[in-house]
Amino acid sequence: MNAVASLSQTFPVDATTLHAALTRPADWWGAGEAAEVVKDDPPKLTLAVPVDGERTRVMLVLNGAPGGTELMVMHTGFANGDSRDAHAALWEARLDRLADVVNGR
């Protein structure tokens, strides 16, 4: 199975600022979690993320939006829907931390 977690959020910053923050996952990813930037091709960024012993992929896509930049997240490669659902919830927390980083908090 290749379950996909997909979500988006708009940040009140320009694409350059958001992209710079995304290339530093240690700043917003979370304690005990790992992510490696494997491809940086603005406005897209691809991360490799270990999940349950498997290497999953995350594609991050930046799009202009009213008042800032929309970040679209597509996390693929989950073994099952339960793993996907658990990581969708983790993404909500990650995006909250990313918002703190880009807003200087």
C-alpha atoms as a PDB file:
ATOM      1  CA  MET A   1       0.000   0.000   0.000  1.00  0.00           C
ATOM      2  CA  ASN A   2       1.217   3.533  -0.693  1.00  0.00           C
ATOM      3  CA  ALA A   3      -0.985   5.641   1.553  1.00  0.00           C
ATOM      4  CA  VAL A   4      -0.500   9.403   1.211  1.00  0.00           C
ATOM      5  CA  ALA A   5      -0.784  12.163   3.814  1.00  0.00           C
ATOM      6  CA  SER A   6      -1.658  15.431   2.103  1.00  0.00           C
ATOM      7  CA  LEU A   7      -2.310  18.861   3.601  1.00  0.00           C
ATOM      8  CA  SER A   8      -1.607  22.540   3.014  1.00  0.00           C
ATOM      9  CA  GLN A   9      -1.184  25.717   4.997  1.00  0.00           C
ATOM     10  CA  THR A  10      -0.606  29.348   4.072  1.00  0.00           C
ATOM     11  CA  PHE A  11       2.169  31.270   5.807  1.00  0.00           C
ATOM     12  CA  PRO A  12       2.294  35.101   5.948  1.00  0.00           C
ATOM     13  CA  VAL A  13       5.789  35.269   4.417  1.00  0.00           C
ATOM     14  CA  ASP A  14       7.262  35.287   0.928  1.00  0.00           C
ATOM     15  CA  ALA A  15       8.346  32.059  -0.785  1.00  0.00           C
ATOM     16  CA  THR A  16      12.056  32.790  -0.293  1.00  0.00           C
ATOM     17  CA  THR A  17      11.663  33.086   3.482  1.00  0.00           C
ATOM     18  CA  LEU A  18       9.527  29.949   3.717  1.00  0.00           C
ATOM     19  CA  HIS A  19      11.880  27.968   1.473  1.00  0.00           C
ATOM     20  CA  ALA A  20      14.882  28.964   3.598  1.00  0.00           C
ATOM     21  CA  ALA A  21      13.126  27.690   6.725  1.00  0.00           C
ATOM     22  CA  LEU A  22      12.130  24.434   5.026  1.00  0.00           C
ATOM     23  CA  THR A  23      15.738  23.643   4.133  1.00  0.00           C
ATOM     24  CA  ARG A  24      16.527  23.569   7.876  1.00  0.00           C
ATOM     25  CA  PRO A  25      14.232  20.771   9.120  1.00  0.00           C
ATOM     26  CA  ALA A  26      16.065  20.572  12.448  1.00  0.00           C
ATOM     27  CA  ASP A  27      14.558  23.984  13.294  1.00  0.00           C
ATOM     28  CA  TRP A  28      10.923  22.856  12.946  1.00  0.00           C
ATOM     29  CA  TRP A  29      10.790  19.085  12.582  1.00  0.00           C
ATOM     30  CA  GLY A  30      10.564  18.026  16.220  1.00  0.00           C
ATOM     31  CA  ALA A  31      12.649  16.319  18.853  1.00  0.00           C
ATOM     32  CA  GLY A  32      13.644  12.747  18.087  1.00  0.00           C
ATOM     33  CA  GLU A  33      12.455  12.963  14.477  1.00  0.00           C
ATOM     34  CA  ALA A  34      14.652  12.941  11.383  1.00  0.00           C
ATOM     35  CA  ALA A  35      14.363  14.360   7.897  1.00  0.00           C
ATOM     36  CA  GLU A  36      16.939  14.712   5.155  1.00  0.00           C
ATOM     37  CA  VAL A  37      16.694  17.140   2.240  1.00  0.00           C
ATOM     38  CA  VAL A  38      17.309  14.977  -0.836  1.00  0.00           C
ATOM     39  CA  LYS A  39      16.288  17.393  -3.576  1.00  0.00           C
ATOM     40  CA  ASP A  40      16.046  21.169  -3.513  1.00  0.00           C
ATOM     41  CA  ASP A  41      14.489  22.492  -6.696  1.00  0.00           C
ATOM     42  CA  PRO A  42      12.451  25.605  -5.815  1.00  0.00           C
ATOM     43  CA  PRO A  43       9.537  25.853  -5.554  1.00  0.00           C
ATOM     44  CA  LYS A  44       9.737  22.137  -4.683  1.00  0.00           C
ATOM     45  CA  LEU A  45      11.691  20.437  -1.943  1.00  0.00           C
ATOM     46  CA  THR A  46      11.896  16.688  -1.329  1.00  0.00           C
ATOM     47  CA  LEU A  47      12.697  15.120   2.034  1.00  0.00           C
ATOM     48  CA  ALA A  48      13.521  11.523   2.948  1.00  0.00           C
ATOM     49  CA  VAL A  49      11.899  10.517   6.224  1.00  0.00           C
ATOM     50  CA  PRO A  50      12.316   7.204   8.065  1.00  0.00           C
ATOM     51  CA  VAL A  51       8.959   5.794   9.196  1.00  0.00           C
ATOM     52  CA  ASP A  52       8.609   2.399  10.846  1.00  0.00           C
ATOM     53  CA  GLY A  53      11.907   1.215   9.358  1.00  0.00           C
ATOM     54  CA  GLU A  54      10.966   2.371   5.853  1.00  0.00           C
ATOM     55  CA  ARG A  55      12.226   5.407   3.954  1.00  0.00           C
ATOM     56  CA  THR A  56       9.281   7.587   2.979  1.00  0.00           C
ATOM     57  CA  ARG A  57       9.276  10.708   0.811  1.00  0.00           C
ATOM     58  CA  VAL A  58       7.838  14.129   1.440  1.00  0.00           C
ATOM     59  CA  MET A  59       7.287  16.600  -1.376  1.00  0.00           C
ATOM     60  CA  LEU A  60       6.890  20.201  -0.266  1.00  0.00           C
ATOM     61  CA  VAL A  61       5.570  22.622  -2.892  1.00  0.00           C
ATOM     62  CA  LEU A  62       5.406  26.403  -2.481  1.00  0.00           C
ATOM     63  CA  ASN A  63       2.747  28.452  -4.263  1.00  0.00           C
ATOM     64  CA  GLY A  64       1.985  32.155  -4.105  1.00  0.00           C
ATOM     65  CA  ALA A  65      -1.183  32.894  -2.158  1.00  0.00           C
ATOM     66  CA  PRO A  66      -3.011  36.038  -1.034  1.00  0.00           C
ATOM     67  CA  GLY A  67      -1.085  37.391   1.943  1.00  0.00           C
ATOM     68  CA  GLY A  68       1.825  34.967   1.729  1.00  0.00           C
ATOM     69  CA  THR A  69       2.872  31.548   0.500  1.00  0.00           C
ATOM     70  CA  GLU A  70       0.930  28.292   0.483  1.00  0.00           C
ATOM     71  CA  LEU A  71       2.860  25.168   1.434  1.00  0.00           C
ATOM     72  CA  MET A  72       1.475  21.917   0.055  1.00  0.00           C
ATOM     73  CA  VAL A  73       2.714  18.729   1.784  1.00  0.00           C
ATOM     74  CA  MET A  74       2.485  15.284   0.180  1.00  0.00           C
ATOM     75  CA  HIS A  75       4.010  12.515   2.320  1.00  0.00           C
ATOM     76  CA  THR A  76       4.103   9.138   0.536  1.00  0.00           C
ATOM     77  CA  GLY A  77       5.382   5.635   1.116  1.00  0.00           C
ATOM     78  CA  PHE A  78       3.471   4.613   4.232  1.00  0.00           C
ATOM     79  CA  ALA A  79       2.922   0.911   4.771  1.00  0.00           C
ATOM     80  CA  ASN A  80      -0.714   1.420   5.758  1.00  0.00           C
ATOM     81  CA  GLY A  81      -3.449   3.916   6.483  1.00  0.00           C
ATOM     82  CA  ASP A  82      -2.871   3.858  10.245  1.00  0.00           C
ATOM     83  CA  SER A  83       0.723   5.009   9.785  1.00  0.00           C
ATOM     84  CA  ARG A  84      -0.426   7.684   7.335  1.00  0.00           C
ATOM     85  CA  ASP A  85      -3.076   8.974   9.746  1.00  0.00           C
ATOM     86  CA  ALA A  86      -0.601   9.145  12.629  1.00  0.00           C
ATOM     87  CA  HIS A  87       1.830  11.134  10.497  1.00  0.00           C
ATOM     88  CA  ALA A  88      -0.879  13.475   9.228  1.00  0.00           C
ATOM     89  CA  ALA A  89      -1.367  14.507  12.864  1.00  0.00           C
ATOM     90  CA  LEU A  90       2.408  14.947  13.255  1.00  0.00           C
ATOM     91  CA  TRP A  91       2.394  17.217  10.203  1.00  0.00           C
ATOM     92  CA  GLU A  92      -0.098  19.518  11.883  1.00  0.00           C
ATOM     93  CA  ALA A  93       2.343  19.960  14.779  1.00  0.00           C
ATOM     94  CA  ARG A  94       5.305  20.385  12.415  1.00  0.00           C
ATOM     95  CA  LEU A  95       3.526  23.109  10.477  1.00  0.00           C
ATOM     96  CA  ASP A  96       2.713  24.903  13.726  1.00  0.00           C
ATOM     97  CA  ARG A  97       6.432  24.823  14.640  1.00  0.00           C
ATOM     98  CA  LEU A  98       7.331  25.992  11.123  1.00  0.00           C
ATOM     99  CA  ALA A  99       4.943  28.937  11.535  1.00  0.00           C
ATOM    100  CA  ASP A 100       6.746  29.834  14.770  1.00  0.00           C
ATOM    101  CA  VAL A 101      10.114  29.698  12.969  1.00  0.00           C
ATOM    102  CA  VAL A 102       9.091  31.889  10.026  1.00  0.00           C
ATOM    103  CA  ASN A 103       7.339  34.347  12.353  1.00  0.00           C
ATOM    104  CA  GLY A 104      10.431  34.659  14.551  1.00  0.00           C
ATOM    105  CA  ARG A 105       8.948  33.059  17.669  1.00  0.00           C
END
